[in-house]
Amino acid sequence: MDSDTHRPGTDDPRAGGSGPLAAMLCFDLYAASRSVTSVYRTLLDPLGLTYPQYLVMVLLWRREESPVRAIVDELRLDYNTVSPLLKRLEANGLLERRRRADDERSVTVTLTEEGRALRERARHIPDVIGEAVGIDGAAIVRLQGLLHTLTDSAAAYAARTPSGTARTASGSGS
């Protein structure tokens, strides 16, 4: 098994599962993401937000306004994915989009009063998520560090590896 894609020591009962997927790090990440997103969904539905929309709002609650490019970069999404999110949030009265006077190509997003007010209704979410994941603050910080390393490493690998040329388990290109 390749340690980059499979969890070592899967014969260890602490590894948490059996079967062919139990040994795959990517499956663990996928399952964890789905589980946490499910908790978010129960918290965000009453606010009329999806998880990606919530992420945009969190960015704006910290900054009040932001160029769309900064939102795209911070969320690690492409413009064609973020633009519909912003349109929906604007249609719901939570933000306004404006073209910059000095650069018509650049759009700035600003919270509305309704968008600011929503922050109060969402204040409980981080605490509920912290409780739901079942690990203490120090473990969360360590996990975030590992996830940042994993994300950065995988993104760098993808950027330097042309599609279809990734190394296979046998070491040859596919």
Protein backbone atom coordinates (compact mmCIF):
# COMPACT_ATOMS: atom_id res chain seq x y z
CA MET A 1 0.00 0.00 0.00
CA ASP A 2 1.18 3.48 -0.83
CA SER A 3 1.36 5.57 2.36
CA ASP A 4 0.28 8.68 0.44
CA THR A 5 -3.16 7.26 -0.30
CA HIS A 6 -3.66 4.58 2.33
CA ARG A 7 -3.63 4.83 6.08
CA PRO A 8 -0.77 2.84 7.58
CA GLY A 9 -1.53 0.32 10.28
CA THR A 10 -5.08 -0.45 9.22
CA ASP A 11 -4.88 -3.73 11.06
CA ASP A 12 -4.86 -1.58 14.20
CA PRO A 13 -8.39 -1.59 15.70
CA ARG A 14 -8.01 2.15 16.41
CA ALA A 15 -7.88 2.74 12.63
CA GLY A 16 -11.69 2.76 12.69
CA GLY A 17 -13.20 0.39 10.19
CA SER A 18 -12.72 -2.62 8.02
CA GLY A 19 -12.97 -3.39 4.36
CA PRO A 20 -11.16 -1.93 1.39
CA LEU A 21 -12.17 1.70 2.01
CA ALA A 22 -11.05 1.71 5.65
CA ALA A 23 -7.42 1.89 4.55
CA MET A 24 -7.87 4.89 2.25
CA LEU A 25 -6.99 8.34 3.56
CA CYS A 26 -9.05 9.93 0.78
CA PHE A 27 -12.15 8.05 1.97
CA ASP A 28 -11.56 9.18 5.56
CA LEU A 29 -11.35 12.79 4.35
CA TYR A 30 -14.47 12.36 2.20
CA ALA A 31 -16.48 10.74 5.02
CA ALA A 32 -15.37 13.37 7.55
CA SER A 33 -16.24 16.18 5.15
CA ARG A 34 -19.70 14.76 4.49
CA SER A 35 -20.36 14.27 8.20
CA VAL A 36 -19.30 17.79 9.18
CA THR A 37 -21.15 19.30 6.23
CA SER A 38 -24.28 17.45 7.37
CA VAL A 39 -24.02 19.13 10.78
CA TYR A 40 -23.55 22.49 9.08
CA ARG A 41 -26.63 21.85 6.92
CA THR A 42 -28.85 21.43 9.99
CA LEU A 43 -27.52 24.73 11.35
CA LEU A 44 -27.59 26.68 8.09
CA ASP A 45 -30.97 25.61 6.67
CA PRO A 46 -32.89 27.80 9.17
CA LEU A 47 -30.69 30.75 8.08
CA GLY A 48 -31.39 30.12 4.40
CA LEU A 49 -27.72 29.48 3.63
CA THR A 50 -25.77 26.70 2.00
CA TYR A 51 -22.33 25.84 3.34
CA PRO A 52 -20.48 27.66 0.51
CA GLN A 53 -22.70 30.72 1.04
CA TYR A 54 -21.91 30.57 4.76
CA LEU A 55 -18.19 30.61 3.96
CA VAL A 56 -18.66 33.77 1.88
CA MET A 57 -20.60 35.37 4.72
CA VAL A 58 -17.89 34.45 7.26
CA LEU A 59 -15.32 36.21 5.07
CA LEU A 60 -17.52 39.29 4.80
CA TRP A 61 -18.38 39.35 8.51
CA ARG A 62 -14.67 39.72 9.16
CA ARG A 63 -14.02 42.33 6.44
CA GLU A 64 -17.34 44.10 5.67
CA GLU A 65 -16.34 44.21 2.01
CA SER A 66 -14.06 42.33 -0.30
CA PRO A 67 -13.08 42.16 -3.95
CA VAL A 68 -14.57 39.08 -5.60
CA ARG A 69 -11.02 38.00 -6.53
CA ALA A 70 -10.07 37.81 -2.83
CA ILE A 71 -13.13 35.66 -2.09
CA VAL A 72 -12.28 33.36 -5.01
CA ASP A 73 -8.70 33.02 -3.78
CA GLU A 74 -9.56 32.46 -0.13
CA LEU A 75 -12.23 29.86 -0.87
CA ARG A 76 -9.95 28.15 -3.42
CA LEU A 77 -12.77 28.09 -5.93
CA ASP A 78 -13.00 29.42 -9.45
CA TYR A 79 -14.85 32.58 -10.40
CA ASN A 80 -17.58 30.63 -12.21
CA THR A 81 -18.40 28.84 -8.95
CA VAL A 82 -18.31 31.91 -6.69
CA SER A 83 -20.28 34.23 -8.97
CA PRO A 84 -23.60 32.33 -8.65
CA LEU A 85 -23.12 32.15 -4.86
CA LEU A 86 -22.75 35.92 -4.74
CA LYS A 87 -25.75 36.46 -7.01
CA ARG A 88 -27.92 34.31 -4.73
CA LEU A 89 -26.71 36.10 -1.60
CA GLU A 90 -27.40 39.43 -3.29
CA ALA A 91 -30.89 38.28 -4.34
CA ASN A 92 -31.50 37.35 -0.69
CA GLY A 93 -30.53 40.88 0.37
CA LEU A 94 -27.38 39.86 2.27
CA LEU A 95 -24.80 41.65 0.15
CA GLU A 96 -24.34 44.08 -2.72
CA ARG A 97 -21.97 43.75 -5.67
CA ARG A 98 -20.47 46.87 -7.23
CA ARG A 99 -18.04 47.38 -10.07
CA ARG A 100 -15.12 49.53 -9.01
CA ALA A 101 -15.11 52.99 -10.59
CA ASP A 102 -11.36 52.85 -11.19
CA ASP A 103 -11.46 49.34 -12.73
CA GLU A 104 -14.71 48.15 -14.34
CA ARG A 105 -13.38 44.57 -14.43
CA SER A 106 -13.13 44.41 -10.64
CA VAL A 107 -16.23 43.76 -8.51
CA THR A 108 -16.40 44.53 -4.80
CA VAL A 109 -18.86 42.80 -2.50
CA THR A 110 -20.25 44.61 0.57
CA LEU A 111 -22.52 43.40 3.36
CA THR A 112 -25.99 44.90 3.67
CA GLU A 113 -27.65 45.60 7.02
CA GLU A 114 -29.50 42.30 6.64
CA GLY A 115 -26.18 40.54 6.03
CA ARG A 116 -24.70 42.10 9.16
CA ALA A 117 -27.77 41.12 11.19
CA LEU A 118 -27.47 37.50 10.05
CA ARG A 119 -24.13 37.30 11.85
CA GLU A 120 -25.92 37.42 15.21
CA ARG A 121 -28.20 34.56 14.19
CA ALA A 122 -25.13 32.52 13.14
CA ARG A 123 -22.92 33.20 16.18
CA HIS A 124 -23.65 29.81 17.74
CA ILE A 125 -22.43 27.81 14.74
CA PRO A 126 -18.70 27.56 15.57
CA ASP A 127 -19.48 26.35 19.11
CA VAL A 128 -21.95 23.74 17.88
CA ILE A 129 -19.46 22.50 15.27
CA GLY A 130 -16.76 22.31 17.96
CA GLU A 131 -19.04 20.18 20.08
CA ALA A 132 -20.14 18.04 17.14
CA VAL A 133 -16.62 17.06 16.05
CA GLY A 134 -15.87 15.71 19.51
CA ILE A 135 -12.24 16.82 19.81
CA ASP A 136 -10.71 19.50 22.00
CA GLY A 137 -9.33 22.83 20.84
CA ALA A 138 -5.69 21.71 20.84
CA ALA A 139 -6.53 18.68 18.70
CA ILE A 140 -8.49 20.91 16.31
CA VAL A 141 -5.47 23.19 15.91
CA ARG A 142 -3.21 20.17 15.18
CA LEU A 143 -5.76 18.75 12.73
CA GLN A 144 -6.07 22.09 10.93
CA GLY A 145 -2.29 22.24 10.59
CA LEU A 146 -2.22 18.75 9.08
CA LEU A 147 -5.10 19.59 6.74
CA HIS A 148 -3.39 22.80 5.58
CA THR A 149 -0.22 20.82 4.85
CA LEU A 150 -2.21 18.14 3.03
CA THR A 151 -4.14 20.72 0.98
CA ASP A 152 -1.06 22.72 0.04
CA SER A 153 0.92 19.59 -0.86
CA ALA A 154 -1.88 18.11 -2.96
CA ALA A 155 -2.49 21.44 -4.74
CA ALA A 156 1.23 21.80 -5.50
CA TYR A 157 1.37 18.23 -6.80
CA ALA A 158 -1.67 18.77 -9.01
CA ALA A 159 -0.23 22.02 -10.36
CA ARG A 160 3.02 20.39 -11.44
CA THR A 161 1.55 17.10 -12.71
CA PRO A 162 -0.11 17.24 -16.13
CA SER A 163 -3.46 15.46 -16.25
CA GLY A 164 -3.14 11.75 -16.91
CA THR A 165 0.55 11.53 -16.05
CA ALA A 166 0.40 10.86 -12.33
CA ARG A 167 2.58 8.04 -11.09
CA THR A 168 0.77 4.72 -10.62
CA ALA A 169 1.39 2.34 -7.73
CA SER A 170 3.87 0.44 -9.90
CA GLY A 171 5.82 3.66 -10.44
CA SER A 172 5.04 4.07 -14.12
CA GLY A 173 2.92 6.80 -15.67
CA SER A 174 -0.70 6.00 -16.44
